[in-house]
Amino acid sequence: MPFTEPRVGATPGRPYDVRIMNALVLDGSRGTECRDALAALQQALADAGHLAEVIPLRERTIAPCRGCFGCWIKTPGECVIDDDGRAVARSIARCDVLVYLTPVTFGGVSSELKKALDRMIPNLSPFFARVCGETHHQRRYRKTPRWIGLGVLSQPDCEAERVFKTLVERNALNLQSERVAAAVVTPASDLAATTAALVKAVAE
């Protein structure tokens, strides 16, 4: 399915089909900095009737990608590194919605989340295709998950927020996701409203 324009939230009053989706939440926090956002996100998914699996990446052993392309040449579709990164990649391939939750630093994601995202390469084909007028890797699987990116900042930072949202959109485009939504929250944010809007945006 073609990639659609990213947006957060839904048009007020616009009907949309609600279906039960399996969501995978990659928790890239290093401690408790994302605890409240995670709780709000889980509640928003539950309220929408969706199932959610949370993977606290700090508790998993995931080595950095070697950039060896063995997942394309030697063991197609599976990373040559035998650690928890393999299971995370498989879970990503199976889920309907991929959510990544992370503290935001200079617009980027945490090192824990970055390692997991880099190890997603086996989920793509080594061959290329034109997507939205750009050159990207082809899908390995027919289904690709919808994406939600939720970043956490200790205080408002417009530039960091802009960079983070762009990063989420570009990652979703690389996977050719059909829906993508992103937001950045601070201690002053309405977490319930923000997470509900993100879930609704990808469920349309």
C-alpha atoms as a PDB file:
ATOM      1  CA  MET A   1       0.000   0.000   0.000  1.00  0.00           C
ATOM      2  CA  PRO A   2       1.288   3.480  -0.722  1.00  0.00           C
ATOM      3  CA  PHE A   3       2.783   5.636   1.978  1.00  0.00           C
ATOM      4  CA  THR A   4       0.405   8.350   3.127  1.00  0.00           C
ATOM      5  CA  GLU A   5       1.142  11.802   4.410  1.00  0.00           C
ATOM      6  CA  PRO A   6       2.107  11.653   8.094  1.00  0.00           C
ATOM      7  CA  ARG A   7      -0.128  13.373  10.577  1.00  0.00           C
ATOM      8  CA  VAL A   8      -0.886  13.358  14.276  1.00  0.00           C
ATOM      9  CA  GLY A   9      -4.492  12.974  15.342  1.00  0.00           C
ATOM     10  CA  ALA A  10      -7.547  12.625  13.177  1.00  0.00           C
ATOM     11  CA  THR A  11      -9.910  15.065  11.543  1.00  0.00           C
ATOM     12  CA  PRO A  12     -12.629  15.887  14.120  1.00  0.00           C
ATOM     13  CA  GLY A  13     -15.841  14.017  13.401  1.00  0.00           C
ATOM     14  CA  ARG A  14     -14.307  11.932  10.630  1.00  0.00           C
ATOM     15  CA  PRO A  15     -15.416   8.271  10.832  1.00  0.00           C
ATOM     16  CA  TYR A  16     -12.819   5.539  10.640  1.00  0.00           C
ATOM     17  CA  ASP A  17     -12.844   1.765  10.760  1.00  0.00           C
ATOM     18  CA  VAL A  18     -11.810   0.410  14.142  1.00  0.00           C
ATOM     19  CA  ARG A  19     -10.098  -2.961  14.179  1.00  0.00           C
ATOM     20  CA  ILE A  20      -8.164  -4.786  16.843  1.00  0.00           C
ATOM     21  CA  MET A  21      -4.449  -4.439  16.210  1.00  0.00           C
ATOM     22  CA  ASN A  22      -1.395  -6.002  17.781  1.00  0.00           C
ATOM     23  CA  ALA A  23       0.927  -3.231  18.907  1.00  0.00           C
ATOM     24  CA  LEU A  24       4.598  -3.640  19.741  1.00  0.00           C
ATOM     25  CA  VAL A  25       6.040  -0.962  22.025  1.00  0.00           C
ATOM     26  CA  LEU A  26       9.825  -0.652  21.959  1.00  0.00           C
ATOM     27  CA  ASP A  27      10.652   1.103  25.218  1.00  0.00           C
ATOM     28  CA  GLY A  28      13.964   2.848  24.671  1.00  0.00           C
ATOM     29  CA  SER A  29      14.113   4.492  28.087  1.00  0.00           C
ATOM     30  CA  ARG A  30      17.222   4.118  30.222  1.00  0.00           C
ATOM     31  CA  GLY A  31      15.390   4.489  33.537  1.00  0.00           C
ATOM     32  CA  THR A  32      12.079   6.003  34.606  1.00  0.00           C
ATOM     33  CA  GLU A  33      12.055   9.059  32.343  1.00  0.00           C
ATOM     34  CA  CYS A  34       9.386   7.556  30.060  1.00  0.00           C
ATOM     35  CA  ARG A  35       7.346   5.790  32.747  1.00  0.00           C
ATOM     36  CA  ASP A  36       4.338   8.136  32.693  1.00  0.00           C
ATOM     37  CA  ALA A  37       4.288   8.297  28.890  1.00  0.00           C
ATOM     38  CA  LEU A  38       4.392   4.506  28.690  1.00  0.00           C
ATOM     39  CA  ALA A  39       1.490   4.159  31.113  1.00  0.00           C
ATOM     40  CA  ALA A  40      -0.583   6.652  29.107  1.00  0.00           C
ATOM     41  CA  LEU A  41       0.298   4.896  25.860  1.00  0.00           C
ATOM     42  CA  GLN A  42      -0.700   1.487  27.209  1.00  0.00           C
ATOM     43  CA  GLN A  43      -3.999   2.946  28.433  1.00  0.00           C
ATOM     44  CA  ALA A  44      -4.693   4.574  25.059  1.00  0.00           C
ATOM     45  CA  LEU A  45      -4.070   1.289  23.242  1.00  0.00           C
ATOM     46  CA  ALA A  46      -6.258  -0.621  25.704  1.00  0.00           C
ATOM     47  CA  ASP A  47      -9.044   1.959  25.460  1.00  0.00           C
ATOM     48  CA  ALA A  48      -9.001   1.536  21.676  1.00  0.00           C
ATOM     49  CA  GLY A  49      -9.285  -2.233  22.103  1.00  0.00           C
ATOM     50  CA  HIS A  50      -5.794  -3.022  20.843  1.00  0.00           C
ATOM     51  CA  LEU A  51      -3.368  -5.575  22.244  1.00  0.00           C
ATOM     52  CA  ALA A  52       0.084  -4.401  23.259  1.00  0.00           C
ATOM     53  CA  GLU A  53       3.419  -6.062  23.953  1.00  0.00           C
ATOM     54  CA  VAL A  54       6.068  -3.903  25.626  1.00  0.00           C
ATOM     55  CA  ILE A  55       9.758  -4.701  25.186  1.00  0.00           C
ATOM     56  CA  PRO A  56      11.999  -2.808  27.629  1.00  0.00           C
ATOM     57  CA  LEU A  57      15.096  -2.666  25.453  1.00  0.00           C
ATOM     58  CA  ARG A  58      17.411  -1.861  28.366  1.00  0.00           C
ATOM     59  CA  GLU A  59      16.678  -5.370  29.642  1.00  0.00           C
ATOM     60  CA  ARG A  60      17.605  -7.044  26.361  1.00  0.00           C
ATOM     61  CA  THR A  61      20.977  -7.946  24.916  1.00  0.00           C
ATOM     62  CA  ILE A  62      21.168  -6.263  21.513  1.00  0.00           C
ATOM     63  CA  ALA A  63      24.543  -5.737  19.902  1.00  0.00           C
ATOM     64  CA  PRO A  64      25.077  -2.907  17.409  1.00  0.00           C
ATOM     65  CA  CYS A  65      24.582  -3.714  13.729  1.00  0.00           C
ATOM     66  CA  ARG A  66      27.899  -4.745  12.142  1.00  0.00           C
ATOM     67  CA  GLY A  67      26.963  -3.404   8.720  1.00  0.00           C
ATOM     68  CA  CYS A  68      28.121  -6.711   7.232  1.00  0.00           C
ATOM     69  CA  PHE A  69      24.914  -7.304   5.183  1.00  0.00           C
ATOM     70  CA  GLY A  70      25.011 -10.953   6.234  1.00  0.00           C
ATOM     71  CA  CYS A  71      21.248 -10.706   6.827  1.00  0.00           C
ATOM     72  CA  TRP A  72      20.859 -10.204   3.075  1.00  0.00           C
ATOM     73  CA  ILE A  73      23.598 -12.512   1.786  1.00  0.00           C
ATOM     74  CA  LYS A  74      24.393 -15.271   4.306  1.00  0.00           C
ATOM     75  CA  THR A  75      21.184 -15.672   6.302  1.00  0.00           C
ATOM     76  CA  PRO A  76      18.465 -13.817   4.328  1.00  0.00           C
ATOM     77  CA  GLY A  77      15.872 -12.309   6.633  1.00  0.00           C
ATOM     78  CA  GLU A  78      17.783 -13.021   9.842  1.00  0.00           C
ATOM     79  CA  CYS A  79      20.674 -11.179  11.469  1.00  0.00           C
ATOM     80  CA  VAL A  80      23.906 -13.139  11.783  1.00  0.00           C
ATOM     81  CA  ILE A  81      24.222 -11.945  15.391  1.00  0.00           C
ATOM     82  CA  ASP A  82      22.496 -14.432  17.686  1.00  0.00           C
ATOM     83  CA  ASP A  83      21.043 -12.266  20.451  1.00  0.00           C
ATOM     84  CA  ASP A  84      17.754 -10.619  21.411  1.00  0.00           C
ATOM     85  CA  GLY A  85      17.900  -8.421  18.315  1.00  0.00           C
ATOM     86  CA  ARG A  86      16.631 -11.367  16.287  1.00  0.00           C
ATOM     87  CA  ALA A  87      13.510 -11.770  18.419  1.00  0.00           C
ATOM     88  CA  VAL A  88      12.806  -8.029  18.298  1.00  0.00           C
ATOM     89  CA  ALA A  89      13.051  -8.022  14.485  1.00  0.00           C
ATOM     90  CA  ARG A  90      10.652 -10.972  14.301  1.00  0.00           C
ATOM     91  CA  SER A  91       8.193  -9.204  16.600  1.00  0.00           C
ATOM     92  CA  ILE A  92       8.365  -6.103  14.402  1.00  0.00           C
ATOM     93  CA  ALA A  93       7.561  -8.206  11.329  1.00  0.00           C
ATOM     94  CA  ARG A  94       4.489  -9.674  13.033  1.00  0.00           C
ATOM     95  CA  CYS A  95       2.983  -6.558  14.638  1.00  0.00           C
ATOM     96  CA  ASP A  96       0.296  -4.297  13.171  1.00  0.00           C
ATOM     97  CA  VAL A  97       1.549  -1.164  14.917  1.00  0.00           C
ATOM     98  CA  LEU A  98       5.141  -0.429  15.860  1.00  0.00           C
ATOM     99  CA  VAL A  99       5.508   2.120  18.643  1.00  0.00           C
ATOM    100  CA  TYR A 100       8.794   3.503  19.720  1.00  0.00           C
ATOM    101  CA  LEU A 101       9.060   5.338  22.977  1.00  0.00           C
ATOM    102  CA  THR A 102      12.245   7.174  23.779  1.00  0.00           C
ATOM    103  CA  PRO A 103      13.849  10.089  25.552  1.00  0.00           C
ATOM    104  CA  VAL A 104      14.802  12.654  22.917  1.00  0.00           C
ATOM    105  CA  THR A 105      18.371  13.941  22.691  1.00  0.00           C
ATOM    106  CA  PHE A 106      19.111  16.552  20.011  1.00  0.00           C
ATOM    107  CA  GLY A 107      16.098  15.192  18.133  1.00  0.00           C
ATOM    108  CA  GLY A 108      17.432  11.632  18.143  1.00  0.00           C
ATOM    109  CA  VAL A 109      16.450   8.450  19.936  1.00  0.00           C
ATOM    110  CA  SER A 110      18.161   6.628  22.779  1.00  0.00           C
ATOM    111  CA  SER A 111      21.108   4.322  22.079  1.00  0.00           C
ATOM    112  CA  GLU A 112      19.022   1.333  23.164  1.00  0.00           C
ATOM    113  CA  LEU A 113      16.323   2.108  20.617  1.00  0.00           C
ATOM    114  CA  LYS A 114      18.843   3.006  17.901  1.00  0.00           C
ATOM    115  CA  LYS A 115      20.450  -0.428  18.165  1.00  0.00           C
ATOM    116  CA  ALA A 116      17.063  -2.156  17.844  1.00  0.00           C
ATOM    117  CA  LEU A 117      16.070  -0.040  14.828  1.00  0.00           C
ATOM    118  CA  ASP A 118      19.398  -0.663  13.092  1.00  0.00           C
ATOM    119  CA  ARG A 119      18.908  -4.399  13.545  1.00  0.00           C
ATOM    120  CA  MET A 120      15.618  -4.193  11.590  1.00  0.00           C
ATOM    121  CA  ILE A 121      17.578  -4.345   8.320  1.00  0.00           C
ATOM    122  CA  PRO A 122      16.788  -8.086   7.813  1.00  0.00           C
ATOM    123  CA  ASN A 123      13.108  -7.108   7.523  1.00  0.00           C
ATOM    124  CA  LEU A 124      13.901  -5.351   4.244  1.00  0.00           C
ATOM    125  CA  SER A 125      14.983  -6.776   0.911  1.00  0.00           C
ATOM    126  CA  PRO A 126      18.443  -5.976  -0.517  1.00  0.00           C
ATOM    127  CA  PHE A 127      16.747  -4.952  -3.766  1.00  0.00           C
ATOM    128  CA  PHE A 128      15.532  -1.439  -4.500  1.00  0.00           C
ATOM    129  CA  ALA A 129      12.296   0.220  -5.551  1.00  0.00           C
ATOM    130  CA  ARG A 130      10.997   3.727  -6.155  1.00  0.00           C
ATOM    131  CA  VAL A 131       8.822   4.914  -3.258  1.00  0.00           C
ATOM    132  CA  CYS A 132       7.347   8.414  -3.268  1.00  0.00           C
ATOM    133  CA  GLY A 133       9.868   9.412  -5.933  1.00  0.00           C
ATOM    134  CA  GLU A 134      12.826   8.169  -3.858  1.00  0.00           C
ATOM    135  CA  THR A 135      14.963   5.044  -3.914  1.00  0.00           C
ATOM    136  CA  HIS A 136      14.309   2.687  -0.994  1.00  0.00           C
ATOM    137  CA  HIS A 137      14.757  -0.988  -0.252  1.00  0.00           C
ATOM    138  CA  GLN A 138      11.876  -3.231  -1.235  1.00  0.00           C
ATOM    139  CA  ARG A 139       9.685  -4.814   1.412  1.00  0.00           C
ATOM    140  CA  ARG A 140      10.593  -8.334   2.426  1.00  0.00           C
ATOM    141  CA  TYR A 141       7.089  -8.986   3.737  1.00  0.00           C
ATOM    142  CA  ARG A 142       3.741  -7.998   2.270  1.00  0.00           C
ATOM    143  CA  LYS A 143       2.525  -6.465   5.529  1.00  0.00           C
ATOM    144  CA  THR A 144       4.376  -3.625   7.218  1.00  0.00           C
ATOM    145  CA  PRO A 145       3.415  -2.124  10.567  1.00  0.00           C
ATOM    146  CA  ARG A 146       1.946   1.302  11.088  1.00  0.00           C
ATOM    147  CA  TRP A 147       4.285   3.536  13.078  1.00  0.00           C
ATOM    148  CA  ILE A 148       3.946   5.654  16.193  1.00  0.00           C
ATOM    149  CA  GLY A 149       6.861   7.630  17.571  1.00  0.00           C
ATOM    150  CA  LEU A 150       6.555   9.107  21.045  1.00  0.00           C
ATOM    151  CA  GLY A 151       9.447  11.167  22.330  1.00  0.00           C
ATOM    152  CA  VAL A 152       9.933  12.513  25.843  1.00  0.00           C
ATOM    153  CA  LEU A 153      11.679  15.795  26.663  1.00  0.00           C
ATOM    154  CA  SER A 154      12.318  17.318  30.080  1.00  0.00           C
ATOM    155  CA  GLN A 155      11.362  20.739  28.701  1.00  0.00           C
ATOM    156  CA  PRO A 156      10.010  22.129  25.412  1.00  0.00           C
ATOM    157  CA  ASP A 157      12.502  22.250  22.518  1.00  0.00           C
ATOM    158  CA  CYS A 158      10.943  23.088  19.146  1.00  0.00           C
ATOM    159  CA  GLU A 159      13.993  22.123  17.101  1.00  0.00           C
ATOM    160  CA  ALA A 160      14.454  18.779  18.845  1.00  0.00           C
ATOM    161  CA  GLU A 161      10.741  18.072  18.344  1.00  0.00           C
ATOM    162  CA  ARG A 162      10.950  18.906  14.637  1.00  0.00           C
ATOM    163  CA  VAL A 163      13.965  16.656  14.120  1.00  0.00           C
ATOM    164  CA  PHE A 164      12.379  13.793  16.048  1.00  0.00           C
ATOM    165  CA  LYS A 165       9.137  13.899  14.065  1.00  0.00           C
ATOM    166  CA  THR A 166      11.079  14.002  10.793  1.00  0.00           C
ATOM    167  CA  LEU A 167      13.129  10.996  11.911  1.00  0.00           C
ATOM    168  CA  VAL A 168       9.976   9.019  12.702  1.00  0.00           C
ATOM    169  CA  GLU A 169       8.474   9.865   9.318  1.00  0.00           C
ATOM    170  CA  ARG A 170      11.644   8.876   7.446  1.00  0.00           C
ATOM    171  CA  ASN A 171      11.940   5.588   9.338  1.00  0.00           C
ATOM    172  CA  ALA A 172       8.326   4.784   8.500  1.00  0.00           C
ATOM    173  CA  LEU A 173       8.928   5.619   4.843  1.00  0.00           C
ATOM    174  CA  ASN A 174      11.926   3.274   4.762  1.00  0.00           C
ATOM    175  CA  LEU A 175       9.612   0.474   5.878  1.00  0.00           C
ATOM    176  CA  GLN A 176       6.860   1.718   3.538  1.00  0.00           C
ATOM    177  CA  SER A 177       4.336   1.974   6.362  1.00  0.00           C
ATOM    178  CA  GLU A 178       0.823   3.021   5.419  1.00  0.00           C
ATOM    179  CA  ARG A 179       0.285   5.234   8.482  1.00  0.00           C
ATOM    180  CA  VAL A 180       2.648   7.170  10.730  1.00  0.00           C
ATOM    181  CA  ALA A 181       2.137   9.553  13.639  1.00  0.00           C
ATOM    182  CA  ALA A 182       4.598  11.209  15.993  1.00  0.00           C
ATOM    183  CA  ALA A 183       4.567  13.478  19.006  1.00  0.00           C
ATOM    184  CA  VAL A 184       6.904  14.794  21.666  1.00  0.00           C
ATOM    185  CA  VAL A 185       5.722  15.275  25.237  1.00  0.00           C
ATOM    186  CA  THR A 186       7.047  17.182  28.245  1.00  0.00           C
ATOM    187  CA  PRO A 187       5.992  17.186  31.922  1.00  0.00           C
ATOM    188  CA  ALA A 188       3.407  19.847  31.041  1.00  0.00           C
ATOM    189  CA  SER A 189       1.791  17.758  28.276  1.00  0.00           C
ATOM    190  CA  ASP A 190      -1.628  16.153  28.427  1.00  0.00           C
ATOM    191  CA  LEU A 191      -0.392  12.581  28.056  1.00  0.00           C
ATOM    192  CA  ALA A 192      -3.833  11.000  27.828  1.00  0.00           C
ATOM    193  CA  ALA A 193      -4.965  13.280  24.989  1.00  0.00           C
ATOM    194  CA  THR A 194      -1.667  13.025  23.092  1.00  0.00           C
ATOM    195  CA  THR A 195      -1.430   9.238  23.205  1.00  0.00           C
ATOM    196  CA  ALA A 196      -5.113   8.813  22.333  1.00  0.00           C
ATOM    197  CA  ALA A 197      -4.621  11.039  19.280  1.00  0.00           C
ATOM    198  CA  LEU A 198      -1.583   9.040  18.152  1.00  0.00           C
ATOM    199  CA  VAL A 199      -3.406   5.725  18.429  1.00  0.00           C
ATOM    200  CA  LYS A 200      -6.441   7.079  16.587  1.00  0.00           C
ATOM    201  CA  ALA A 201      -4.266   8.515  13.815  1.00  0.00           C
ATOM    202  CA  VAL A 202      -2.785   5.149  12.848  1.00  0.00           C
ATOM    203  CA  ALA A 203      -6.060   3.260  13.313  1.00  0.00           C
ATOM    204  CA  GLU A 204      -7.934   5.198  10.642  1.00  0.00           C
END
